[in-house]
Amino acid sequence: MITVDRIENGFAVVTDGKHRKDIPLEKIAGKPAEGTVLRFNGRTYSADEKATAKRRDYMRALQDSLWE
């Protein structure tokens, strides 16, 4: 699973938790945002909506646990 860390100078800066990679935005279908989980189909990347929602829910729960 790779996740968009940020968009910078025409690239999506992505990470898999250990490695960082810059992917040109033209290789990504749609308009990715920070936190979007990407899937690679062999030529291009696209957003994995289900994985993105799951990650967002996890991050929200983690954040909420810091305030308990």
N, C-alpha and C. Protein backbone atom coordinates (compact mmCIF):
# COMPACT_ATOMS: atom_id res chain seq x y z
N MET A 1 0.85 -1.17 0.00
CA MET A 1 0.00 0.00 0.00
C MET A 1 0.89 1.23 0.00
N ILE A 2 0.63 2.13 -0.94
CA ILE A 2 1.36 3.39 -0.95
C ILE A 2 0.36 4.53 -0.72
N THR A 3 0.81 5.52 -0.01
CA THR A 3 -0.05 6.62 0.40
C THR A 3 0.58 7.94 -0.02
N VAL A 4 -0.26 8.84 -0.51
CA VAL A 4 0.22 10.17 -0.89
C VAL A 4 0.53 10.95 0.38
N ASP A 5 1.77 11.37 0.50
CA ASP A 5 2.20 12.19 1.63
C ASP A 5 1.90 13.65 1.34
N ARG A 6 2.21 14.08 0.10
CA ARG A 6 1.96 15.47 -0.29
C ARG A 6 2.08 15.58 -1.82
N ILE A 7 1.56 16.69 -2.33
CA ILE A 7 1.68 17.03 -3.75
C ILE A 7 2.67 18.18 -3.83
N GLU A 8 3.66 18.02 -4.73
CA GLU A 8 4.73 19.01 -4.77
C GLU A 8 5.32 19.09 -6.17
N ASN A 9 5.29 20.28 -6.78
CA ASN A 9 5.94 20.53 -8.07
C ASN A 9 5.56 19.52 -9.15
N GLY A 10 4.28 19.19 -9.27
CA GLY A 10 3.83 18.27 -10.32
C GLY A 10 4.03 16.81 -10.00
N PHE A 11 4.38 16.50 -8.77
CA PHE A 11 4.59 15.12 -8.34
C PHE A 11 3.77 14.82 -7.10
N ALA A 12 3.37 13.57 -6.98
CA ALA A 12 2.80 13.08 -5.73
C ALA A 12 3.95 12.41 -4.99
N VAL A 13 4.24 12.89 -3.82
CA VAL A 13 5.28 12.28 -3.00
C VAL A 13 4.56 11.20 -2.19
N VAL A 14 4.94 9.94 -2.43
CA VAL A 14 4.25 8.82 -1.80
C VAL A 14 5.21 8.03 -0.91
N THR A 15 4.62 7.29 0.01
CA THR A 15 5.42 6.45 0.91
C THR A 15 4.71 5.14 1.16
N ASP A 16 5.50 4.11 1.39
CA ASP A 16 4.93 2.82 1.79
C ASP A 16 5.23 2.55 3.26
N GLY A 17 5.68 3.57 3.95
CA GLY A 17 6.03 3.45 5.36
C GLY A 17 7.53 3.31 5.57
N LYS A 18 8.23 2.85 4.56
CA LYS A 18 9.68 2.69 4.65
C LYS A 18 10.41 3.48 3.56
N HIS A 19 9.82 3.55 2.39
CA HIS A 19 10.46 4.20 1.25
C HIS A 19 9.60 5.34 0.74
N ARG A 20 10.26 6.33 0.16
CA ARG A 20 9.61 7.48 -0.42
C ARG A 20 9.83 7.47 -1.92
N LYS A 21 8.83 7.90 -2.68
CA LYS A 21 8.95 7.92 -4.14
C LYS A 21 8.15 9.11 -4.66
N ASP A 22 8.65 9.72 -5.73
CA ASP A 22 7.94 10.81 -6.40
C ASP A 22 7.32 10.26 -7.67
N ILE A 23 6.01 10.42 -7.81
CA ILE A 23 5.28 9.92 -8.98
C ILE A 23 4.71 11.13 -9.72
N PRO A 24 5.01 11.27 -11.02
CA PRO A 24 4.43 12.38 -11.78
C PRO A 24 2.90 12.32 -11.74
N LEU A 25 2.26 13.47 -11.55
CA LEU A 25 0.81 13.50 -11.44
C LEU A 25 0.11 12.96 -12.68
N GLU A 26 0.74 13.07 -13.85
CA GLU A 26 0.12 12.55 -15.07
C GLU A 26 0.02 11.02 -15.07
N LYS A 27 0.73 10.35 -14.18
CA LYS A 27 0.64 8.89 -14.07
C LYS A 27 -0.42 8.44 -13.06
N ILE A 28 -1.14 9.42 -12.49
CA ILE A 28 -2.17 9.11 -11.49
C ILE A 28 -3.52 9.55 -12.02
N ALA A 29 -4.46 8.61 -12.09
CA ALA A 29 -5.81 8.93 -12.54
C ALA A 29 -6.50 9.80 -11.49
N GLY A 30 -7.19 10.85 -11.95
CA GLY A 30 -7.89 11.72 -11.03
C GLY A 30 -6.96 12.71 -10.37
N LYS A 31 -7.43 13.25 -9.26
CA LYS A 31 -6.66 14.25 -8.52
C LYS A 31 -6.42 13.74 -7.11
N PRO A 32 -5.28 13.12 -6.88
CA PRO A 32 -5.01 12.60 -5.53
C PRO A 32 -4.80 13.72 -4.53
N ALA A 33 -5.10 13.44 -3.30
CA ALA A 33 -4.90 14.38 -2.21
C ALA A 33 -4.05 13.71 -1.15
N GLU A 34 -3.57 14.51 -0.23
CA GLU A 34 -2.80 13.98 0.89
C GLU A 34 -3.62 12.90 1.60
N GLY A 35 -3.01 11.75 1.84
CA GLY A 35 -3.68 10.65 2.52
C GLY A 35 -4.33 9.64 1.60
N THR A 36 -4.39 9.92 0.31
CA THR A 36 -4.99 8.99 -0.65
C THR A 36 -4.12 7.75 -0.79
N VAL A 37 -4.76 6.58 -0.71
CA VAL A 37 -4.05 5.32 -0.94
C VAL A 37 -4.12 5.03 -2.43
N LEU A 38 -2.98 4.71 -3.03
CA LEU A 38 -2.92 4.45 -4.47
C LEU A 38 -2.72 2.98 -4.77
N ARG A 39 -3.27 2.59 -5.91
CA ARG A 39 -3.10 1.23 -6.43
C ARG A 39 -2.46 1.36 -7.82
N PHE A 40 -1.50 0.49 -8.12
CA PHE A 40 -0.80 0.50 -9.41
C PHE A 40 -1.34 -0.63 -10.27
N ASN A 41 -1.70 -0.31 -11.53
CA ASN A 41 -2.26 -1.33 -12.42
C ASN A 41 -1.27 -1.80 -13.49
N GLY A 42 -0.02 -1.45 -13.33
CA GLY A 42 0.99 -1.85 -14.30
C GLY A 42 1.49 -0.69 -15.15
N ARG A 43 0.64 0.33 -15.33
CA ARG A 43 1.04 1.52 -16.09
C ARG A 43 0.73 2.81 -15.37
N THR A 44 -0.41 2.85 -14.70
CA THR A 44 -0.82 4.08 -14.02
C THR A 44 -1.28 3.75 -12.60
N TYR A 45 -1.45 4.80 -11.83
CA TYR A 45 -1.93 4.67 -10.46
C TYR A 45 -3.35 5.23 -10.39
N SER A 46 -4.12 4.70 -9.48
CA SER A 46 -5.46 5.23 -9.22
C SER A 46 -5.75 5.13 -7.74
N ALA A 47 -6.71 5.94 -7.29
CA ALA A 47 -7.07 5.95 -5.87
C ALA A 47 -7.81 4.68 -5.52
N ASP A 48 -7.47 4.10 -4.39
CA ASP A 48 -8.20 2.96 -3.83
C ASP A 48 -9.11 3.55 -2.77
N GLU A 49 -10.35 3.82 -3.16
CA GLU A 49 -11.29 4.52 -2.28
C GLU A 49 -11.55 3.77 -0.98
N LYS A 50 -11.71 2.46 -1.06
CA LYS A 50 -11.99 1.66 0.13
C LYS A 50 -10.82 1.70 1.11
N ALA A 51 -9.61 1.51 0.60
CA ALA A 51 -8.42 1.54 1.45
C ALA A 51 -8.19 2.95 2.01
N THR A 52 -8.49 3.98 1.21
CA THR A 52 -8.33 5.35 1.68
C THR A 52 -9.29 5.63 2.83
N ALA A 53 -10.54 5.21 2.70
CA ALA A 53 -11.53 5.42 3.77
C ALA A 53 -11.14 4.66 5.03
N LYS A 54 -10.64 3.44 4.87
CA LYS A 54 -10.22 2.64 6.01
C LYS A 54 -9.05 3.30 6.73
N ARG A 55 -8.09 3.80 5.96
CA ARG A 55 -6.92 4.48 6.54
C ARG A 55 -7.35 5.75 7.25
N ARG A 56 -8.25 6.52 6.63
CA ARG A 56 -8.73 7.77 7.23
C ARG A 56 -9.43 7.49 8.57
N ASP A 57 -10.27 6.44 8.61
CA ASP A 57 -10.95 6.07 9.85
C ASP A 57 -9.96 5.66 10.93
N TYR A 58 -8.93 4.89 10.54
CA TYR A 58 -7.91 4.46 11.48
C TYR A 58 -7.15 5.67 12.05
N MET A 59 -6.77 6.59 11.16
CA MET A 59 -6.02 7.77 11.60
C MET A 59 -6.88 8.65 12.52
N ARG A 60 -8.18 8.76 12.21
CA ARG A 60 -9.07 9.55 13.04
C ARG A 60 -9.20 8.92 14.43
N ALA A 61 -9.34 7.59 14.48
CA ALA A 61 -9.45 6.90 15.77
C ALA A 61 -8.15 7.04 16.57
N LEU A 62 -7.03 6.97 15.89
CA LEU A 62 -5.74 7.14 16.56
C LEU A 62 -5.63 8.55 17.14
N GLN A 63 -6.03 9.53 16.36
CA GLN A 63 -6.00 10.91 16.83
C GLN A 63 -6.93 11.10 18.02
N ASP A 64 -8.13 10.55 17.94
CA ASP A 64 -9.10 10.67 19.03
C ASP A 64 -8.57 10.01 20.31
N SER A 65 -7.82 8.92 20.18
CA SER A 65 -7.31 8.23 21.35
C SER A 65 -6.27 9.07 22.10
N LEU A 66 -5.66 10.01 21.42
CA LEU A 66 -4.67 10.87 22.08
C LEU A 66 -5.34 11.86 23.03
N TRP A 67 -6.63 12.12 22.83
CA TRP A 67 -7.34 13.10 23.64
C TRP A 67 -8.15 12.48 24.74
N GLU A 68 -8.14 11.17 24.85
CA GLU A 68 -8.92 10.49 25.89
C GLU A 68 -8.18 10.47 27.20
